[in-house]
Amino acid sequence: MGWSVGDSIVLIGRSMRHSLRAPDSLLIGVALPVLLLLLFTYVFGGAIEAGIAHSDYIDYVVPGVILLTAGFAAGQTAAGITNDMTTGVIDRFRSLPINNWIVVLGHVVASMVRNLVSTTLVIVVALLMGFSPTASLLEWLGAIGMIILFILMMTFVAVMFGLLAKSVDAAFGFSFFIVFLPYVSSAFVPTETMPSVLHGFAEHQPLTPIIETVRGLLMGMPIGDSAWQGVLWCVAILAVVIPISGRLFRRRTAS
């Protein structure tokens, strides 16, 4: 067990160093969410706020930007997995007395850390901009727990796509689909303001109950059934993508 822990730490450190040495990844994963927060609040916020039952649009939009952050990071995780699978580094690891799956674990933990750093930065900037959550300590813990569960789910979805992709460009292409989902949810505008064709999808896709739960907890609003729906979505998706990822990894690393 000791060697597994040590190997895990080494490979987690490897993934973290790769993140720090890629300025474009840092820009997308850390700076871009903050820029989007500024854009939606100061450029679009005045026009959108009329349809929001809140005094400040920033109080409405922060949960959506937080989840959008996880989408950006997922594309980087998928690309990192694909890069390892296509450049031969996995073959080198297979010659060492380590569990090959630890390579994936390194990417998962590094993705979680990147996401949590980006989320913290978004919240800090939002507070400086006037974000005024009314959550108690228990509500903060609930919101953070939901965010962590969502990030974990998104990370393993990225792992699956990274194992499916045959090139880094294809893996990055996956992120376009993931980043699109928050825009067709309650992240930036209430779903009832959308055309009927989009309204049904926005109401019943996974991100809407998760966003509504985080928003409700942070702003002291009723969350209704959103919490259990959000948790159920995350757990159900994890229950599907983790076994699929394991099977794909074994297939691609088979002798």
C-alpha atoms as a PDB file:
ATOM      1  CA  MET A   1       0.000   0.000   0.000  1.00  0.00           C
ATOM      2  CA  GLY A   2       2.872   2.361   0.810  1.00  0.00           C
ATOM      3  CA  TRP A   3       4.321   2.260  -2.677  1.00  0.00           C
ATOM      4  CA  SER A   4       0.869   2.993  -4.139  1.00  0.00           C
ATOM      5  CA  VAL A   5       0.500   6.125  -2.012  1.00  0.00           C
ATOM      6  CA  GLY A   6       3.999   7.289  -2.947  1.00  0.00           C
ATOM      7  CA  ASP A   7       3.388   6.625  -6.642  1.00  0.00           C
ATOM      8  CA  SER A   8       0.094   8.476  -6.435  1.00  0.00           C
ATOM      9  CA  ILE A   9       1.759  11.537  -4.922  1.00  0.00           C
ATOM     10  CA  VAL A  10       4.446  11.534  -7.618  1.00  0.00           C
ATOM     11  CA  LEU A  11       1.948  11.285 -10.481  1.00  0.00           C
ATOM     12  CA  ILE A  12      -0.379  13.860  -8.945  1.00  0.00           C
ATOM     13  CA  GLY A  13       2.627  16.194  -8.725  1.00  0.00           C
ATOM     14  CA  ARG A  14       3.415  15.415 -12.354  1.00  0.00           C
ATOM     15  CA  SER A  15      -0.083  16.439 -13.470  1.00  0.00           C
ATOM     16  CA  MET A  16       0.050  19.609 -11.371  1.00  0.00           C
ATOM     17  CA  ARG A  17       3.402  20.603 -12.890  1.00  0.00           C
ATOM     18  CA  HIS A  18       2.006  20.063 -16.378  1.00  0.00           C
ATOM     19  CA  SER A  19      -0.822  22.449 -15.497  1.00  0.00           C
ATOM     20  CA  LEU A  20       1.554  25.123 -14.211  1.00  0.00           C
ATOM     21  CA  ARG A  21       3.766  24.829 -17.292  1.00  0.00           C
ATOM     22  CA  ALA A  22       0.879  25.376 -19.715  1.00  0.00           C
ATOM     23  CA  PRO A  23       0.017  29.101 -19.756  1.00  0.00           C
ATOM     24  CA  ASP A  24      -2.933  28.541 -22.100  1.00  0.00           C
ATOM     25  CA  SER A  25      -4.436  26.026 -19.675  1.00  0.00           C
ATOM     26  CA  LEU A  26      -3.998  28.411 -16.766  1.00  0.00           C
ATOM     27  CA  LEU A  27      -5.625  31.179 -18.788  1.00  0.00           C
ATOM     28  CA  ILE A  28      -8.622  29.021 -19.710  1.00  0.00           C
ATOM     29  CA  GLY A  29      -9.032  27.381 -16.328  1.00  0.00           C
ATOM     30  CA  VAL A  30      -8.376  30.337 -14.023  1.00  0.00           C
ATOM     31  CA  ALA A  31      -8.578  33.684 -15.814  1.00  0.00           C
ATOM     32  CA  LEU A  32     -11.386  32.984 -18.297  1.00  0.00           C
ATOM     33  CA  PRO A  33     -14.070  32.251 -15.649  1.00  0.00           C
ATOM     34  CA  VAL A  34     -13.248  35.564 -13.953  1.00  0.00           C
ATOM     35  CA  LEU A  35     -13.449  37.386 -17.297  1.00  0.00           C
ATOM     36  CA  LEU A  36     -16.829  35.774 -17.967  1.00  0.00           C
ATOM     37  CA  LEU A  37     -18.042  36.872 -14.550  1.00  0.00           C
ATOM     38  CA  LEU A  38     -17.016  40.434 -15.373  1.00  0.00           C
ATOM     39  CA  LEU A  39     -18.597  40.196 -18.827  1.00  0.00           C
ATOM     40  CA  PHE A  40     -21.965  38.882 -17.693  1.00  0.00           C
ATOM     41  CA  THR A  41     -22.178  41.228 -14.718  1.00  0.00           C
ATOM     42  CA  TYR A  42     -21.050  44.508 -16.259  1.00  0.00           C
ATOM     43  CA  VAL A  43     -21.922  44.060 -19.950  1.00  0.00           C
ATOM     44  CA  PHE A  44     -25.044  41.883 -19.983  1.00  0.00           C
ATOM     45  CA  GLY A  45     -26.194  42.233 -16.392  1.00  0.00           C
ATOM     46  CA  GLY A  46     -28.062  45.497 -16.822  1.00  0.00           C
ATOM     47  CA  ALA A  47     -30.195  44.113 -19.640  1.00  0.00           C
ATOM     48  CA  ILE A  48     -30.793  40.720 -18.030  1.00  0.00           C
ATOM     49  CA  GLU A  49     -31.494  41.974 -14.516  1.00  0.00           C
ATOM     50  CA  ALA A  50     -34.989  43.142 -15.464  1.00  0.00           C
ATOM     51  CA  GLY A  51     -36.109  39.518 -15.697  1.00  0.00           C
ATOM     52  CA  ILE A  52     -34.426  38.402 -12.464  1.00  0.00           C
ATOM     53  CA  ALA A  53     -36.200  38.518  -9.133  1.00  0.00           C
ATOM     54  CA  HIS A  54     -33.006  39.676  -7.401  1.00  0.00           C
ATOM     55  CA  SER A  55     -31.729  43.135  -6.608  1.00  0.00           C
ATOM     56  CA  ASP A  56     -28.313  42.368  -8.137  1.00  0.00           C
ATOM     57  CA  TYR A  57     -27.645  40.155 -11.138  1.00  0.00           C
ATOM     58  CA  ILE A  58     -24.271  39.139  -9.726  1.00  0.00           C
ATOM     59  CA  ASP A  59     -26.037  37.260  -6.908  1.00  0.00           C
ATOM     60  CA  TYR A  60     -27.847  35.261  -9.577  1.00  0.00           C
ATOM     61  CA  VAL A  61     -24.977  34.582 -11.952  1.00  0.00           C
ATOM     62  CA  VAL A  62     -22.143  33.485  -9.630  1.00  0.00           C
ATOM     63  CA  PRO A  63     -23.311  29.835  -9.240  1.00  0.00           C
ATOM     64  CA  GLY A  64     -23.549  29.505 -13.021  1.00  0.00           C
ATOM     65  CA  VAL A  65     -20.027  30.833 -13.533  1.00  0.00           C
ATOM     66  CA  ILE A  66     -18.714  28.425 -10.888  1.00  0.00           C
ATOM     67  CA  LEU A  67     -20.156  25.457 -12.767  1.00  0.00           C
ATOM     68  CA  LEU A  68     -18.951  26.865 -16.080  1.00  0.00           C
ATOM     69  CA  THR A  69     -15.452  26.844 -14.572  1.00  0.00           C
ATOM     70  CA  ALA A  70     -15.641  23.074 -14.132  1.00  0.00           C
ATOM     71  CA  GLY A  71     -16.571  22.738 -17.793  1.00  0.00           C
ATOM     72  CA  PHE A  72     -13.447  24.595 -18.928  1.00  0.00           C
ATOM     73  CA  ALA A  73     -11.246  22.464 -16.681  1.00  0.00           C
ATOM     74  CA  ALA A  74     -12.842  19.259 -17.968  1.00  0.00           C
ATOM     75  CA  GLY A  75     -11.579  19.959 -21.469  1.00  0.00           C
ATOM     76  CA  GLN A  76      -8.034  20.282 -20.129  1.00  0.00           C
ATOM     77  CA  THR A  77      -8.355  17.011 -18.219  1.00  0.00           C
ATOM     78  CA  ALA A  78      -9.627  15.170 -21.294  1.00  0.00           C
ATOM     79  CA  ALA A  79      -6.738  16.537 -23.363  1.00  0.00           C
ATOM     80  CA  GLY A  80      -4.194  15.528 -20.711  1.00  0.00           C
ATOM     81  CA  ILE A  81      -5.532  11.967 -20.613  1.00  0.00           C
ATOM     82  CA  THR A  82      -5.499  11.698 -24.413  1.00  0.00           C
ATOM     83  CA  ASN A  83      -1.974  13.083 -24.566  1.00  0.00           C
ATOM     84  CA  ASP A  84      -0.737  10.388 -22.175  1.00  0.00           C
ATOM     85  CA  MET A  85      -2.534   7.664 -24.127  1.00  0.00           C
ATOM     86  CA  THR A  86      -1.194   8.737 -27.527  1.00  0.00           C
ATOM     87  CA  THR A  87       2.416   9.783 -26.825  1.00  0.00           C
ATOM     88  CA  GLY A  88       3.637   6.462 -25.440  1.00  0.00           C
ATOM     89  CA  VAL A  89       4.096   7.587 -21.845  1.00  0.00           C
ATOM     90  CA  ILE A  90       1.634   4.924 -20.688  1.00  0.00           C
ATOM     91  CA  ASP A  91       3.829   2.231 -22.254  1.00  0.00           C
ATOM     92  CA  ARG A  92       6.735   3.564 -20.230  1.00  0.00           C
ATOM     93  CA  PHE A  93       4.709   3.499 -17.023  1.00  0.00           C
ATOM     94  CA  ARG A  94       3.659  -0.078 -17.785  1.00  0.00           C
ATOM     95  CA  SER A  95       7.307  -1.120 -17.585  1.00  0.00           C
ATOM     96  CA  LEU A  96       7.451   0.151 -13.998  1.00  0.00           C
ATOM     97  CA  PRO A  97       6.132  -1.650 -10.884  1.00  0.00           C
ATOM     98  CA  ILE A  98       3.151   0.680 -10.481  1.00  0.00           C
ATOM     99  CA  ASN A  99      -0.583   0.457 -11.004  1.00  0.00           C
ATOM    100  CA  ASN A 100      -1.274   2.067 -14.384  1.00  0.00           C
ATOM    101  CA  TRP A 101      -4.605   3.466 -13.149  1.00  0.00           C
ATOM    102  CA  ILE A 102      -2.644   5.773 -10.819  1.00  0.00           C
ATOM    103  CA  VAL A 103      -1.785   7.816 -13.931  1.00  0.00           C
ATOM    104  CA  VAL A 104      -5.487   8.595 -14.325  1.00  0.00           C
ATOM    105  CA  LEU A 105      -5.754   9.297 -10.593  1.00  0.00           C
ATOM    106  CA  GLY A 106      -3.066  11.948 -10.987  1.00  0.00           C
ATOM    107  CA  HIS A 107      -5.138  13.719 -13.635  1.00  0.00           C
ATOM    108  CA  VAL A 108      -8.305  13.459 -11.517  1.00  0.00           C
ATOM    109  CA  VAL A 109      -6.732  14.971  -8.394  1.00  0.00           C
ATOM    110  CA  ALA A 110      -4.967  17.701 -10.398  1.00  0.00           C
ATOM    111  CA  SER A 111      -8.283  18.562 -12.070  1.00  0.00           C
ATOM    112  CA  MET A 112     -10.021  18.767  -8.697  1.00  0.00           C
ATOM    113  CA  VAL A 113      -7.316  21.109  -7.378  1.00  0.00           C
ATOM    114  CA  ARG A 114      -7.453  23.333 -10.483  1.00  0.00           C
ATOM    115  CA  ASN A 115     -11.225  23.545 -10.234  1.00  0.00           C
ATOM    116  CA  LEU A 116     -11.226  24.391  -6.539  1.00  0.00           C
ATOM    117  CA  VAL A 117      -8.604  27.114  -7.072  1.00  0.00           C
ATOM    118  CA  SER A 118     -10.630  28.587  -9.948  1.00  0.00           C
ATOM    119  CA  THR A 119     -13.850  28.380  -7.929  1.00  0.00           C
ATOM    120  CA  THR A 120     -12.235  30.132  -4.974  1.00  0.00           C
ATOM    121  CA  LEU A 121     -10.898  32.862  -7.255  1.00  0.00           C
ATOM    122  CA  VAL A 122     -14.321  33.391  -8.845  1.00  0.00           C
ATOM    123  CA  ILE A 123     -15.965  33.696  -5.417  1.00  0.00           C
ATOM    124  CA  VAL A 124     -13.314  36.122  -4.141  1.00  0.00           C
ATOM    125  CA  VAL A 125     -13.628  38.337  -7.224  1.00  0.00           C
ATOM    126  CA  ALA A 126     -17.431  38.144  -6.994  1.00  0.00           C
ATOM    127  CA  LEU A 127     -17.315  39.284  -3.358  1.00  0.00           C
ATOM    128  CA  LEU A 128     -15.173  42.246  -4.398  1.00  0.00           C
ATOM    129  CA  MET A 129     -17.738  43.044  -7.101  1.00  0.00           C
ATOM    130  CA  GLY A 130     -20.631  43.068  -4.656  1.00  0.00           C
ATOM    131  CA  PHE A 131     -21.726  39.437  -4.409  1.00  0.00           C
ATOM    132  CA  SER A 132     -23.628  39.214  -1.122  1.00  0.00           C
ATOM    133  CA  PRO A 133     -24.418  35.630  -0.067  1.00  0.00           C
ATOM    134  CA  THR A 134     -26.560  35.199   3.030  1.00  0.00           C
ATOM    135  CA  ALA A 135     -25.625  31.564   3.700  1.00  0.00           C
ATOM    136  CA  SER A 136     -24.956  30.232   7.167  1.00  0.00           C
ATOM    137  CA  LEU A 137     -21.918  28.032   7.807  1.00  0.00           C
ATOM    138  CA  LEU A 138     -24.020  24.901   7.275  1.00  0.00           C
ATOM    139  CA  GLU A 139     -25.415  26.268   4.005  1.00  0.00           C
ATOM    140  CA  TRP A 140     -21.904  27.166   2.817  1.00  0.00           C
ATOM    141  CA  LEU A 141     -20.790  23.608   3.564  1.00  0.00           C
ATOM    142  CA  GLY A 142     -23.772  22.245   1.641  1.00  0.00           C
ATOM    143  CA  ALA A 143     -23.037  24.460  -1.361  1.00  0.00           C
ATOM    144  CA  ILE A 144     -19.350  23.537  -1.313  1.00  0.00           C
ATOM    145  CA  GLY A 145     -20.250  19.853  -1.063  1.00  0.00           C
ATOM    146  CA  MET A 146     -22.507  20.116  -4.105  1.00  0.00           C
ATOM    147  CA  ILE A 147     -19.817  21.977  -6.050  1.00  0.00           C
ATOM    148  CA  ILE A 148     -17.191  19.336  -5.178  1.00  0.00           C
ATOM    149  CA  LEU A 149     -19.544  16.508  -6.197  1.00  0.00           C
ATOM    150  CA  PHE A 150     -20.230  18.270  -9.502  1.00  0.00           C
ATOM    151  CA  ILE A 151     -16.521  18.832 -10.146  1.00  0.00           C
ATOM    152  CA  LEU A 152     -15.814  15.159  -9.418  1.00  0.00           C
ATOM    153  CA  MET A 153     -18.542  14.105 -11.830  1.00  0.00           C
ATOM    154  CA  MET A 154     -17.279  16.442 -14.547  1.00  0.00           C
ATOM    155  CA  THR A 155     -13.717  15.230 -14.050  1.00  0.00           C
ATOM    156  CA  PHE A 156     -14.629  11.576 -14.595  1.00  0.00           C
ATOM    157  CA  VAL A 157     -16.736  12.479 -17.623  1.00  0.00           C
ATOM    158  CA  ALA A 158     -13.601  14.201 -18.956  1.00  0.00           C
ATOM    159  CA  VAL A 159     -11.551  11.070 -18.214  1.00  0.00           C
ATOM    160  CA  MET A 160     -13.985   8.965 -20.230  1.00  0.00           C
ATOM    161  CA  PHE A 161     -13.875  11.332 -23.207  1.00  0.00           C
ATOM    162  CA  GLY A 162     -10.102  11.569 -22.936  1.00  0.00           C
ATOM    163  CA  LEU A 163      -9.867   7.779 -23.204  1.00  0.00           C
ATOM    164  CA  LEU A 164     -12.278   7.732 -26.143  1.00  0.00           C
ATOM    165  CA  ALA A 165     -10.530  10.486 -28.112  1.00  0.00           C
ATOM    166  CA  LYS A 166      -7.808   9.560 -30.567  1.00  0.00           C
ATOM    167  CA  SER A 167      -6.127  12.970 -30.560  1.00  0.00           C
ATOM    168  CA  VAL A 168      -5.667  15.921 -28.226  1.00  0.00           C
ATOM    169  CA  ASP A 169      -7.655  18.153 -30.589  1.00  0.00           C
ATOM    170  CA  ALA A 170     -10.581  15.741 -30.444  1.00  0.00           C
ATOM    171  CA  ALA A 171     -10.381  15.709 -26.650  1.00  0.00           C
ATOM    172  CA  PHE A 172     -10.503  19.503 -26.535  1.00  0.00           C
ATOM    173  CA  GLY A 173     -13.508  19.360 -28.859  1.00  0.00           C
ATOM    174  CA  PHE A 174     -15.402  17.581 -26.096  1.00  0.00           C
ATOM    175  CA  SER A 175     -15.168  20.723 -23.979  1.00  0.00           C
ATOM    176  CA  PHE A 176     -17.295  22.690 -26.464  1.00  0.00           C
ATOM    177  CA  PHE A 177     -20.262  20.451 -25.676  1.00  0.00           C
ATOM    178  CA  ILE A 178     -19.708  20.618 -21.917  1.00  0.00           C
ATOM    179  CA  VAL A 179     -19.184  24.389 -21.845  1.00  0.00           C
ATOM    180  CA  PHE A 180     -22.370  24.849 -23.882  1.00  0.00           C
ATOM    181  CA  LEU A 181     -24.621  23.131 -21.314  1.00  0.00           C
ATOM    182  CA  PRO A 182     -24.651  25.915 -18.676  1.00  0.00           C
ATOM    183  CA  TYR A 183     -25.921  28.380 -21.256  1.00  0.00           C
ATOM    184  CA  VAL A 184     -29.052  26.249 -21.724  1.00  0.00           C
ATOM    185  CA  SER A 185     -29.847  26.050 -18.019  1.00  0.00           C
ATOM    186  CA  SER A 186     -30.760  28.446 -15.236  1.00  0.00           C
ATOM    187  CA  ALA A 187     -27.123  29.550 -14.950  1.00  0.00           C
ATOM    188  CA  PHE A 188     -27.513  32.983 -16.548  1.00  0.00           C
ATOM    189  CA  VAL A 189     -31.257  33.533 -17.002  1.00  0.00           C
ATOM    190  CA  PRO A 190     -34.383  31.908 -15.535  1.00  0.00           C
ATOM    191  CA  THR A 191     -35.483  28.946 -17.633  1.00  0.00           C
ATOM    192  CA  GLU A 192     -39.031  30.330 -17.920  1.00  0.00           C
ATOM    193  CA  THR A 193     -37.709  33.200 -20.049  1.00  0.00           C
ATOM    194  CA  MET A 194     -36.491  30.761 -22.724  1.00  0.00           C
ATOM    195  CA  PRO A 195     -38.468  29.709 -25.813  1.00  0.00           C
ATOM    196  CA  SER A 196     -40.624  26.637 -25.245  1.00  0.00           C
ATOM    197  CA  VAL A 197     -38.301  24.443 -27.316  1.00  0.00           C
ATOM    198  CA  LEU A 198     -35.374  25.189 -24.999  1.00  0.00           C
ATOM    199  CA  HIS A 199     -37.359  25.503 -21.777  1.00  0.00           C
ATOM    200  CA  GLY A 200     -38.075  21.777 -21.444  1.00  0.00           C
ATOM    201  CA  PHE A 201     -34.446  20.833 -22.012  1.00  0.00           C
ATOM    202  CA  ALA A 202     -33.154  23.522 -19.644  1.00  0.00           C
ATOM    203  CA  GLU A 203     -35.527  22.389 -16.891  1.00  0.00           C
ATOM    204  CA  HIS A 204     -34.571  18.719 -17.114  1.00  0.00           C
ATOM    205  CA  GLN A 205     -30.864  18.704 -17.817  1.00  0.00           C
ATOM    206  CA  PRO A 206     -28.403  17.902 -14.965  1.00  0.00           C
ATOM    207  CA  LEU A 207     -26.952  21.378 -14.447  1.00  0.00           C
ATOM    208  CA  THR A 208     -30.171  23.210 -13.611  1.00  0.00           C
ATOM    209  CA  PRO A 209     -30.944  21.471 -10.279  1.00  0.00           C
ATOM    210  CA  ILE A 210     -27.276  21.679  -9.290  1.00  0.00           C
ATOM    211  CA  ILE A 211     -27.156  25.420 -10.023  1.00  0.00           C
ATOM    212  CA  GLU A 212     -30.478  26.002  -8.261  1.00  0.00           C
ATOM    213  CA  THR A 213     -29.195  24.132  -5.195  1.00  0.00           C
ATOM    214  CA  VAL A 214     -25.964  26.132  -4.990  1.00  0.00           C
ATOM    215  CA  ARG A 215     -27.805  29.404  -5.635  1.00  0.00           C
ATOM    216  CA  GLY A 216     -30.494  28.624  -3.090  1.00  0.00           C
ATOM    217  CA  LEU A 217     -28.016  27.653  -0.385  1.00  0.00           C
ATOM    218  CA  LEU A 218     -25.816  30.703  -0.919  1.00  0.00           C
ATOM    219  CA  MET A 219     -28.666  33.200  -1.187  1.00  0.00           C
ATOM    220  CA  GLY A 220     -31.043  31.781   1.429  1.00  0.00           C
ATOM    221  CA  MET A 221     -33.669  30.809  -1.160  1.00  0.00           C
ATOM    222  CA  PRO A 222     -35.892  27.690  -1.111  1.00  0.00           C
ATOM    223  CA  ILE A 223     -34.273  24.813  -2.998  1.00  0.00           C
ATOM    224  CA  GLY A 224     -37.235  22.427  -3.071  1.00  0.00           C
ATOM    225  CA  ASP A 225     -36.354  19.172  -4.833  1.00  0.00           C
ATOM    226  CA  SER A 226     -33.254  20.600  -6.487  1.00  0.00           C
ATOM    227  CA  ALA A 227     -30.786  19.201  -3.928  1.00  0.00           C
ATOM    228  CA  TRP A 228     -31.715  15.553  -4.223  1.00  0.00           C
ATOM    229  CA  GLN A 229     -32.150  15.860  -7.992  1.00  0.00           C
ATOM    230  CA  GLY A 230     -28.686  17.390  -8.328  1.00  0.00           C
ATOM    231  CA  VAL A 231     -27.075  14.736  -6.143  1.00  0.00           C
ATOM    232  CA  LEU A 232     -28.933  11.983  -8.010  1.00  0.00           C
ATOM    233  CA  TRP A 233     -27.746  13.302 -11.382  1.00  0.00           C
ATOM    234  CA  CYS A 234     -24.123  13.434 -10.213  1.00  0.00           C
ATOM    235  CA  VAL A 235     -24.153   9.988  -8.585  1.00  0.00           C
ATOM    236  CA  ALA A 236     -25.944   8.388 -11.538  1.00  0.00           C
ATOM    237  CA  ILE A 237     -23.487   9.842 -14.052  1.00  0.00           C
ATOM    238  CA  LEU A 238     -20.519   8.776 -11.904  1.00  0.00           C
ATOM    239  CA  ALA A 239     -21.975   5.265 -11.654  1.00  0.00           C
ATOM    240  CA  VAL A 240     -21.984   5.091 -15.453  1.00  0.00           C
ATOM    241  CA  VAL A 241     -18.759   6.842 -16.460  1.00  0.00           C
ATOM    242  CA  ILE A 242     -16.373   5.325 -13.869  1.00  0.00           C
ATOM    243  CA  PRO A 243     -16.902   1.687 -14.990  1.00  0.00           C
ATOM    244  CA  ILE A 244     -16.814   2.752 -18.641  1.00  0.00           C
ATOM    245  CA  SER A 245     -13.561   4.649 -18.034  1.00  0.00           C
ATOM    246  CA  GLY A 246     -12.052   1.626 -16.311  1.00  0.00           C
ATOM    247  CA  ARG A 247     -13.004  -0.616 -19.219  1.00  0.00           C
ATOM    248  CA  LEU A 248     -11.657   1.845 -21.791  1.00  0.00           C
ATOM    249  CA  PHE A 249      -8.386   2.228 -19.900  1.00  0.00           C
ATOM    250  CA  ARG A 250      -7.877  -1.528 -19.651  1.00  0.00           C
ATOM    251  CA  ARG A 251      -8.640  -1.915 -23.350  1.00  0.00           C
ATOM    252  CA  ARG A 252      -6.183   0.805 -24.398  1.00  0.00           C
ATOM    253  CA  THR A 253      -3.402  -0.439 -22.115  1.00  0.00           C
ATOM    254  CA  ALA A 254      -3.860  -4.147 -22.852  1.00  0.00           C
ATOM    255  CA  SER A 255      -0.784  -5.954 -24.090  1.00  0.00           C
END
